[in-house]
Amino acid sequence: MKNAKSLYHGHRFPASVISCAVRWYFRFRLSLRDIEELLFERGVIVSYETIRRWCDKFGAYFAYRVKAARRKPGTIWHLDEVFVTLRSEPYLL
């Protein structure tokens, strides 16, 4: 049985750095240069162009994982408040 290669195989930086940069870009809508500065403050020297390539390559995979992790709506709905009008007067149930 063959071992499946990691999604990050062959990259210079570890998976934690790449995923952190991609998450920041898509979650907080930071610019590529802002992410470059944030990583530099943490001791990681990487260009904004490399971050752009990471976002192009791994962005769809991240979006798929986030969408799969969301809760699916069920068949039972619960209402918190209901306003009913009887004889032209609103009532809260």
Protein backbone atom coordinates (compact mmCIF):
# COMPACT_ATOMS: atom_id res chain seq x y z
CA MET A 1 0.00 0.00 0.00
CA LYS A 2 1.38 3.39 -1.00
CA ASN A 3 1.52 6.22 1.47
CA ALA A 4 -0.42 9.26 0.30
CA LYS A 5 1.74 12.34 -0.03
CA SER A 6 0.87 15.36 2.02
CA LEU A 7 -0.84 18.28 0.35
CA TYR A 8 2.14 20.39 1.39
CA HIS A 9 4.80 17.96 0.17
CA GLY A 10 7.69 19.68 -1.57
CA HIS A 11 7.15 23.12 -0.07
CA ARG A 12 9.90 24.96 1.74
CA PHE A 13 7.75 26.04 4.67
CA PRO A 14 5.87 23.77 7.07
CA ALA A 15 2.16 23.18 6.71
CA SER A 16 1.35 25.32 9.75
CA VAL A 17 2.89 28.44 8.19
CA ILE A 18 1.19 27.91 4.84
CA SER A 19 -2.22 27.20 6.33
CA CYS A 20 -1.94 30.18 8.68
CA ALA A 21 -1.13 32.55 5.79
CA VAL A 22 -3.96 31.21 3.61
CA ARG A 23 -6.43 31.37 6.51
CA TRP A 24 -5.49 34.99 7.25
CA TYR A 25 -5.92 35.95 3.61
CA PHE A 26 -9.38 34.46 3.19
CA ARG A 27 -10.78 34.87 6.71
CA PHE A 28 -9.68 38.41 7.54
CA ARG A 29 -9.35 39.83 4.01
CA LEU A 30 -5.81 41.02 4.65
CA SER A 31 -3.66 42.06 1.72
CA LEU A 32 -0.78 39.86 0.66
CA ARG A 33 1.71 42.46 1.83
CA ASP A 34 0.03 42.66 5.24
CA ILE A 35 0.36 38.90 5.61
CA GLU A 36 3.99 39.15 4.52
CA GLU A 37 4.60 41.66 7.33
CA LEU A 38 2.74 39.58 9.92
CA LEU A 39 4.79 36.52 9.05
CA PHE A 40 7.99 38.58 9.11
CA GLU A 41 7.16 39.71 12.65
CA ARG A 42 6.95 36.03 13.58
CA GLY A 43 10.34 35.26 12.03
CA VAL A 44 9.18 33.84 8.69
CA ILE A 45 10.67 35.56 5.66
CA VAL A 46 8.42 34.95 2.66
CA SER A 47 7.44 37.16 -0.27
CA TYR A 48 3.90 38.28 -1.01
CA GLU A 49 4.11 36.52 -4.37
CA THR A 50 4.68 33.19 -2.63
CA ILE A 51 1.66 33.84 -0.41
CA ARG A 52 -0.40 34.57 -3.54
CA ARG A 53 0.64 31.22 -5.02
CA TRP A 54 -0.28 29.45 -1.78
CA CYS A 55 -3.71 31.09 -1.81
CA ASP A 56 -4.27 30.05 -5.42
CA LYS A 57 -3.19 26.48 -4.73
CA PHE A 58 -4.69 25.80 -1.30
CA GLY A 59 -7.66 28.21 -1.25
CA ALA A 60 -10.12 25.83 -2.88
CA TYR A 61 -9.11 23.01 -0.53
CA PHE A 62 -9.63 25.27 2.51
CA ALA A 63 -13.04 26.38 1.22
CA TYR A 64 -14.06 22.74 0.73
CA ARG A 65 -13.04 21.83 4.28
CA VAL A 66 -14.91 24.79 5.78
CA LYS A 67 -18.04 24.01 3.79
CA ALA A 68 -17.91 20.35 4.80
CA ALA A 69 -17.51 21.25 8.48
CA ARG A 70 -20.63 23.45 8.57
CA ARG A 71 -23.70 22.06 10.25
CA LYS A 72 -26.37 20.88 7.88
CA PRO A 73 -29.88 22.22 8.45
CA GLY A 74 -32.24 19.67 9.96
CA THR A 75 -35.91 19.01 9.40
CA ILE A 76 -36.99 20.44 12.76
CA TRP A 77 -37.20 24.22 13.14
CA HIS A 78 -37.47 26.02 16.47
CA LEU A 79 -38.80 29.55 16.66
CA ASP A 80 -37.84 31.85 19.50
CA GLU A 81 -40.50 34.52 19.14
CA VAL A 82 -43.74 34.73 17.22
CA PHE A 83 -45.91 37.81 16.85
CA VAL A 84 -49.60 37.16 16.20
CA THR A 85 -52.20 39.82 15.47
CA LEU A 86 -55.64 39.19 16.98
CA ARG A 87 -58.35 41.84 16.70
CA SER A 88 -55.77 44.36 15.47
CA GLU A 89 -53.58 43.91 18.55
CA PRO A 90 -50.15 42.27 18.35
CA TYR A 91 -49.40 39.48 20.81
CA LEU A 92 -46.06 37.89 21.54
CA LEU A 93 -46.06 34.11 21.92
